[in-house]
Protein backbone atom coordinates (compact mmCIF):
# COMPACT_ATOMS: atom_id res chain seq x y z
CA PRO A 1 68.91 96.58 121.99
CA ARG A 2 66.81 93.97 121.43
CA ALA A 3 66.47 94.69 117.45
CA TRP A 4 65.22 91.01 116.46
CA THR A 5 62.67 90.92 119.38
CA ARG A 6 61.41 94.29 118.22
CA LEU A 7 60.63 93.16 114.90
CA VAL A 8 58.35 90.71 115.80
CA PRO A 9 55.32 92.98 116.22
CA GLY A 10 55.67 94.13 112.61
CA ASN A 11 55.86 98.34 113.78
CA ALA A 12 59.47 98.07 112.93
CA ALA A 13 62.44 97.63 110.18
CA PHE A 14 66.05 96.97 109.52
CA ILE A 15 67.01 99.44 106.87
CA SER A 16 70.41 98.96 104.05
CA GLU A 17 72.86 101.09 104.50
CA GLN A 18 72.25 102.03 100.56
CA LEU A 19 68.64 103.38 101.75
CA SER A 20 69.64 104.49 104.90
CA ARG A 21 72.15 107.15 103.63
CA ARG A 22 69.95 108.19 100.73
CA LEU A 23 67.07 108.99 102.82
CA ASN A 24 69.34 110.37 105.64
CA VAL A 25 67.67 108.07 108.34
CA GLY A 26 68.85 106.05 111.01
CA ILE A 27 68.10 104.34 114.04
CA GLY A 28 65.39 106.41 115.75
CA ASP A 29 63.81 107.63 112.91
CA VAL A 30 60.60 106.65 111.47
CA VAL A 31 59.98 105.61 107.59
CA GLU A 32 56.63 105.42 105.92
CA VAL A 33 55.91 102.67 103.50
CA PRO A 34 52.98 103.02 101.31
CA ALA A 35 50.54 100.06 101.78
CA PRO A 36 47.13 98.56 100.28
CA GLY A 37 45.51 99.54 103.62
CA GLY A 38 47.29 102.67 104.27
CA THR A 39 50.80 104.13 105.23
CA TRP A 40 52.67 101.60 107.24
CA GLU A 41 55.08 103.23 109.49
CA LEU A 42 58.22 101.46 110.68
CA ASP A 43 60.37 102.36 113.39
CA ILE A 44 64.07 101.99 112.09
CA VAL A 45 65.88 99.44 115.22
CA GLY A 46 68.92 98.67 112.94
CA VAL A 47 70.83 99.46 109.97
CA TYR A 48 72.67 96.32 108.05
CA ALA A 49 75.32 96.35 105.53
CA ASP A 50 74.38 95.06 102.24
CA TYR A 51 77.46 95.19 100.23
CA GLY A 52 77.04 95.31 96.36
CA ASN A 53 73.09 95.71 96.18
CA PRO A 54 72.38 98.87 94.33
CA LYS A 55 68.78 98.79 95.62
CA GLY A 56 67.45 100.08 99.13
CA GLN A 57 65.52 97.79 101.09
CA LEU A 58 64.05 97.22 104.50
CA ALA A 59 63.81 94.07 106.10
CA VAL A 60 60.67 93.38 108.59
CA ASN A 61 58.78 90.46 110.21
CA VAL A 62 57.46 88.29 107.40
CA ALA A 63 53.98 87.86 109.06
CA ALA A 64 53.74 91.59 109.49
CA LEU A 65 54.56 92.07 105.50
CA MET A 66 51.88 89.42 104.76
CA ARG A 67 49.13 91.21 106.58
CA GLN A 68 50.33 94.71 104.73
CA PHE A 69 50.56 93.22 101.55
CA PRO A 70 48.45 89.79 101.37
CA GLN A 71 48.91 89.46 97.58
CA THR A 72 52.72 88.87 97.61
CA PRO A 73 53.39 85.36 96.62
CA GLN A 74 55.85 83.67 99.12
CA THR A 75 58.36 82.81 96.60
CA ARG A 76 61.47 81.97 99.03
CA VAL A 77 61.77 79.91 102.01
CA GLY A 78 64.06 78.87 104.21
CA LEU A 79 64.13 76.02 106.41
CA ILE A 80 66.29 75.18 109.24
CA VAL A 81 67.24 71.19 109.68
CA ALA A 82 69.59 68.99 110.95
CA LYS A 83 72.74 68.53 108.48
CA GLU A 84 72.44 64.81 108.00
CA ASN A 85 68.79 65.30 107.00
CA ILE A 86 69.50 68.12 104.08
CA PRO A 87 70.34 65.90 101.06
CA GLY A 88 67.38 63.88 101.58
CA LEU A 89 64.97 66.99 101.86
CA ILE A 90 66.60 68.47 98.85
CA ALA A 91 65.74 65.14 96.82
CA ALA A 92 62.08 64.95 98.11
CA LEU A 93 61.49 68.67 97.55
CA GLN A 94 62.69 68.49 93.60
CA ARG A 95 60.49 65.27 93.49
CA GLN A 96 57.47 66.81 94.85
CA PHE A 97 57.56 70.20 93.22
CA ALA A 98 59.63 69.68 90.23
CA LEU A 99 62.02 71.80 91.01
CA GLY A 100 65.92 72.26 89.66
CA ASP A 101 69.07 72.29 91.08
CA ARG A 102 68.75 76.08 91.12
CA SER A 103 65.83 76.50 93.28
CA VAL A 104 66.73 74.53 96.00
CA ALA A 105 70.15 74.70 97.92
CA ASP A 106 71.84 74.22 101.18
CA GLN A 107 73.52 77.16 103.04
CA ALA A 108 76.91 74.94 103.61
CA THR A 109 76.86 74.52 99.89
CA MET A 110 76.52 78.04 99.06
CA LYS A 111 79.07 79.01 101.59
CA ALA A 112 82.09 76.66 100.11
CA GLU A 113 81.10 77.95 96.81
CA SER A 114 81.32 81.62 97.85
CA ILE A 115 84.90 81.22 99.76
CA ARG A 116 85.97 79.15 96.73
CA ILE A 117 85.24 82.40 94.49
CA PHE A 118 86.47 84.46 97.01
CA ASN A 119 89.76 82.54 97.30
CA ARG A 120 90.45 82.80 93.49
CA THR A 121 89.87 86.29 93.71
CA PHE A 122 92.21 87.11 96.05
CA ALA A 123 94.69 84.72 94.51
CA VAL A 124 94.70 87.30 91.54
CA THR A 125 95.53 89.95 94.32
CA SER A 126 98.39 88.09 95.39
CA ALA A 127 100.06 87.67 92.31
CA LEU A 128 99.64 91.35 91.60
CA ASN A 129 100.89 91.95 94.85
CA ALA A 130 103.70 89.87 94.30
CA PHE A 131 104.39 91.64 90.70
CA THR A 132 103.84 95.09 92.35
CA LEU A 133 106.68 94.27 94.87
CA GLY A 134 108.87 92.93 92.12
CA VAL A 135 108.85 95.98 90.03
CA ALA A 136 109.41 98.27 93.50
CA GLY A 137 112.09 96.11 94.21
CA ILE A 138 113.91 96.54 90.82
CA ALA A 139 113.57 100.26 91.05
CA LEU A 140 114.83 100.30 94.53
CA PHE A 141 117.81 98.67 93.52
CA THR A 142 118.66 100.56 90.16
CA SER A 143 117.96 104.00 92.50
CA LEU A 144 120.45 102.50 95.09
CA LEU A 145 123.01 101.63 92.47
CA THR A 146 122.91 105.15 91.03
CA LEU A 147 123.17 106.87 94.44
CA ALA A 148 125.85 104.55 95.44
CA ASN A 149 127.76 106.13 92.31
CA SER A 150 126.81 109.62 92.85
CA ARG A 151 127.89 109.29 96.76
CA LEU A 152 131.61 108.17 95.44
CA PRO A 153 133.05 111.86 95.61
CA GLN A 154 131.77 112.40 98.97
CA LEU A 155 133.00 108.92 100.34
CA ALA A 156 136.57 109.53 98.88
CA PRO A 157 137.57 112.28 101.21
CA LEU A 158 136.61 110.19 104.35
CA TRP A 159 138.67 107.44 102.99
CA ALA A 160 141.44 109.66 102.36
CA ILE A 161 141.74 110.89 105.80
CA GLY A 162 141.87 107.24 107.15
CA ILE A 163 138.47 105.32 107.25
CA THR A 164 138.96 101.85 105.91
CA ARG A 165 136.57 100.90 102.76
CA PRO A 166 134.74 97.95 104.90
CA ARG A 167 133.98 100.96 107.24
CA LEU A 168 132.39 103.14 104.67
CA ALA A 169 130.50 100.11 103.36
CA ALA A 170 128.99 99.58 107.07
CA ILE A 171 128.36 103.28 107.23
CA GLU A 172 126.28 103.18 103.94
CA LEU A 173 124.54 100.39 104.82
CA THR A 174 123.48 101.86 108.07
CA LYS A 175 122.30 105.29 106.22
CA THR A 176 120.63 103.35 103.58
CA LEU A 177 118.61 101.22 106.22
CA SER A 178 117.84 104.58 108.07
CA VAL A 179 116.33 106.49 105.41
CA ALA A 180 114.29 103.24 104.63
CA LEU A 181 112.97 102.92 108.03
CA PHE A 182 112.56 106.54 107.83
CA THR A 183 110.55 106.47 104.69
CA ALA A 184 108.57 103.34 105.79
CA LEU A 185 107.58 105.06 109.28
CA LEU A 186 106.17 108.24 106.85
CA ALA A 187 104.54 105.74 104.47
CA VAL A 188 102.39 104.05 106.81
CA PRO A 189 100.46 106.59 108.43
CA LEU A 190 100.18 108.24 105.11
CA GLY A 191 98.60 104.64 103.30
CA LEU A 192 96.02 104.54 106.72
CA LEU A 193 95.17 107.97 105.86
CA VAL A 194 94.24 107.04 101.95
CA ALA A 195 92.41 103.83 103.03
CA TRP A 196 90.49 105.74 105.57
CA CYS A 197 89.73 108.15 102.71
CA LEU A 198 88.81 105.39 99.83
CA ILE A 199 86.37 103.92 102.53
CA ALA A 200 84.70 106.58 104.48
CA ILE A 201 84.64 109.11 101.49
CA VAL A 202 85.01 107.79 97.66
CA ASN A 203 82.98 104.22 98.42
CA VAL A 204 80.65 106.10 100.27
CA LYS A 205 79.94 108.70 97.52
CA ALA A 206 80.09 105.67 94.58
CA PHE A 207 77.98 102.78 95.93
CA GLY A 208 76.17 104.32 99.48
CA TRP A 209 77.76 101.55 101.48
CA ARG A 210 80.94 101.83 104.05
CA LEU A 211 83.49 99.15 104.54
CA PRO A 212 84.54 98.56 108.56
CA PHE A 213 88.07 100.29 108.97
CA HIS A 214 90.15 97.99 111.11
CA VAL A 215 94.01 98.57 111.72
CA PHE A 216 96.25 95.68 112.61
CA PRO A 217 99.40 96.72 114.14
CA LEU A 218 101.07 93.26 113.61
CA GLN A 219 100.91 93.58 109.80
CA LEU A 220 102.18 96.75 109.70
CA VAL A 221 105.34 95.86 112.11
CA GLU A 222 105.82 92.83 109.45
CA LEU A 223 105.36 95.44 106.70
CA VAL A 224 107.94 97.85 108.01
CA ALA A 225 110.27 94.72 108.18
CA VAL A 226 109.68 93.69 104.79
CA ALA A 227 110.55 97.11 103.54
CA LEU A 228 113.71 96.88 105.69
CA PHE A 229 114.66 93.60 104.32
CA ALA A 230 114.14 94.66 100.60
CA SER A 231 116.25 97.67 100.96
CA LEU A 232 118.85 95.55 102.50
CA LEU A 233 118.86 93.14 99.71
CA ALA A 234 118.85 96.02 97.28
CA ALA A 235 122.21 97.74 99.02
CA LEU A 236 124.21 94.46 99.46
CA LEU A 237 125.46 94.94 96.11
CA PRO A 238 126.53 98.40 95.95
CA VAL A 239 127.88 98.13 99.46
CA ALA A 240 129.91 94.95 98.83
CA ARG A 241 131.22 97.01 95.60
CA LEU A 242 132.33 99.93 97.91
CA ALA A 243 134.04 97.64 100.18
CA ARG A 244 135.99 95.89 97.67
CA MET A 245 136.67 99.01 95.48
CA GLN A 246 140.16 99.79 94.49
CA PRO A 247 142.19 102.41 96.16
CA ALA A 248 142.91 103.68 92.36
CA ASN A 249 139.23 104.38 91.97
CA LEU A 250 138.85 106.44 95.08
CA VAL A 251 142.08 108.57 94.11
CA LYS A 252 140.49 109.41 90.86
CA VAL A 253 137.94 111.42 92.64
CA PHE A 254 140.78 114.12 93.41
CA ALA A 255 142.31 113.75 90.05
CA ASN A 256 140.18 117.46 89.21
CA GLU A 257 140.36 118.89 92.11
CA ARG A 258 142.21 122.32 92.48
């Protein structure tokens, strides 16, 4: 509580998640920072995520930092100004201090560029997901075709006792969708467990930081629906073949019966 306010006096700090895990310290603990005037004791009042940064860092009040390390040059300055004044301010700073485009930037531009890069990254991810889904669909299609041919000896006796071919096709379709639903319901919790292991164990061991773990029930329902739809598409051809199969093909099943 009141973490930002507690930074003002200069005896508190935020600690990055990497450094927190490395030193095995958290909120309420104290870290000692060597300073020219002696040891600087800082109460940890917050832990912040710092994804992708291999260095452990502390965030402190800048005035307190300059008191403890007076020789530190101030090379980075952030200004809060009205949006309409940003272009003119940047131009004036560049003229006054001979700064290049990489030395002065506004937050809106940086955010837009970051979002553009992220969108390009996830566009590749979406393409890979579509490709993976296509490969899985082909594998499912061929598997159901093979399964339909292997189940023909089991279906022929049902036809022989009077069940019509369309009824047999409907039974097979129901059975296929039931198996797909059962598999999807098993796969969803297994996938969540694998994701949790990657986030909470593997990622922490490898990089020292942890992503938040959120479950979105609506997306899981959509995932199960997509799995059932893919199974339906894959089962349509085998089921249609069964519904139009000639009686002679079903009778052949009994040719080798004793």
